[in-house]
Protein backbone atom coordinates (compact mmCIF):
# COMPACT_ATOMS: atom_id res chain seq x y z
CA MET A 1 60.14 136.50 162.39
CA HIS A 2 57.84 134.10 161.43
CA LYS A 3 56.25 132.07 164.14
CA GLN A 4 57.88 133.87 167.18
CA THR A 5 56.69 136.22 169.72
CA PRO A 6 58.84 139.06 169.71
CA ALA A 7 61.09 138.55 172.66
CA GLN A 8 61.96 134.91 171.07
CA ALA A 9 62.90 137.00 168.12
CA ALA A 10 65.13 139.12 170.47
CA ALA A 11 66.82 135.79 171.80
CA THR A 12 67.45 134.66 168.11
CA GLU A 13 68.91 138.30 166.90
CA ALA A 14 71.24 137.92 170.29
CA TRP A 15 72.08 134.78 169.15
CA GLU A 16 72.60 135.32 165.18
CA GLU A 17 74.74 138.93 165.92
CA ALA A 18 76.46 138.12 168.71
CA GLY A 19 76.72 134.66 170.30
CA LEU A 20 74.95 135.16 172.96
CA THR A 21 71.75 132.67 174.78
CA GLY A 22 70.01 133.38 177.26
CA LYS A 23 65.88 133.77 178.79
CA ALA A 24 64.03 136.36 177.10
CA TYR A 25 61.31 138.65 178.77
CA ASP A 26 58.09 139.76 176.98
CA ARG A 27 58.36 143.20 178.13
CA CYS A 28 58.54 145.75 175.42
CA LEU A 29 61.33 148.60 176.85
CA GLY A 30 61.03 150.39 173.91
CA VAL A 31 60.62 151.28 170.14
CA TYR A 32 62.85 153.04 167.91
CA THR A 33 62.93 154.00 163.92
CA TYR A 34 66.14 153.85 161.72
CA GLN A 35 66.04 153.80 157.97
CA LYS A 36 67.70 150.65 156.30
CA THR A 37 69.06 150.20 152.80
CA ILE A 38 68.56 147.62 150.95
CA GLY A 39 70.21 147.42 147.23
CA THR A 40 68.98 150.54 146.34
CA GLU A 41 65.54 151.27 148.30
CA VAL A 42 66.04 152.88 151.43
CA LEU A 43 63.48 151.32 153.52
CA PRO A 44 61.70 152.68 156.99
CA VAL A 45 61.95 149.78 160.02
CA ILE A 46 60.94 149.80 162.76
CA THR A 47 62.05 147.89 165.79
CA LEU A 48 61.16 146.77 169.43
CA VAL A 49 63.40 146.34 172.20
CA TYR A 50 62.82 143.40 174.28
CA PRO A 51 65.40 142.29 176.96
CA VAL A 52 67.35 138.99 177.32
CA LYS A 53 69.42 137.41 180.42
CA ILE A 54 72.30 136.16 178.86
CA THR A 55 73.04 133.12 180.42
CA ALA A 56 75.53 131.73 177.79
CA VAL A 57 78.72 133.10 175.60
CA HIS A 58 79.60 131.47 172.51
CA SER A 59 82.91 131.63 170.83
CA ASP A 60 81.43 130.65 167.72
CA TRP A 61 78.23 132.02 166.00
CA PRO A 62 75.93 132.51 162.78
CA GLU A 63 77.49 136.25 162.14
CA ALA A 64 81.13 136.09 163.69
CA HIS A 65 82.38 136.18 160.37
CA GLN A 66 80.62 140.09 160.37
CA ARG A 67 80.68 141.28 163.53
CA ARG A 68 82.85 141.63 166.38
CA ARG A 69 81.33 141.39 170.02
CA LYS A 70 82.69 143.78 172.84
CA TRP A 71 80.96 144.28 176.74
CA VAL A 72 80.67 147.96 177.29
CA SER A 73 78.64 150.02 179.96
CA LEU A 74 74.96 150.94 179.17
CA SER A 75 76.34 154.41 178.90
CA LYS A 76 78.79 153.46 176.85
CA ALA A 77 76.88 151.46 174.59
CA ALA A 78 74.36 154.62 174.29
CA SER A 79 77.11 156.80 173.28
CA LYS A 80 77.74 154.74 170.15
CA VAL A 81 74.62 154.36 169.03
CA LYS A 82 72.60 157.27 166.74
CA GLU A 83 69.01 156.93 167.05
CA PRO A 84 68.17 158.78 169.73
CA GLU A 85 65.18 156.45 170.48
CA LEU A 86 67.73 154.03 171.19
CA LYS A 87 69.92 155.98 172.96
CA ARG A 88 67.26 157.02 175.51
CA ILE A 89 66.13 152.61 175.82
CA ILE A 90 69.73 152.21 176.55
CA ALA A 91 70.63 154.68 178.65
CA SER A 92 67.69 154.12 180.75
CA PHE A 93 67.78 150.78 181.34
CA THR A 94 67.58 148.55 184.37
CA PRO A 95 67.45 145.13 185.26
CA ALA A 96 64.60 146.30 187.75
CA MET A 97 63.11 146.80 184.15
CA VAL A 98 62.61 143.11 183.50
CA LYS A 99 59.88 141.22 185.32
CA ARG A 100 61.46 138.37 186.74
């Protein structure tokens, strides 16, 4: 995202996609790839994962009409994603990984 650090971009995504705000940490937890279809094109995407400590949960957010927010355990979250690299990042996450 233009003029944002990767950690700030993660916080922006948390807000836009789930209505969550908090402190983003400048520590990359890992990288994963996937294919994204835009129109008729299938494009490769490389994604860096940054933690955000949530301090507020909002009832309305930019993509609320497109998404449903649901809290689950790390193991359940890992089981729900298809990208193997993202599964590993989620399953291995611990709060100690984030510099305070």
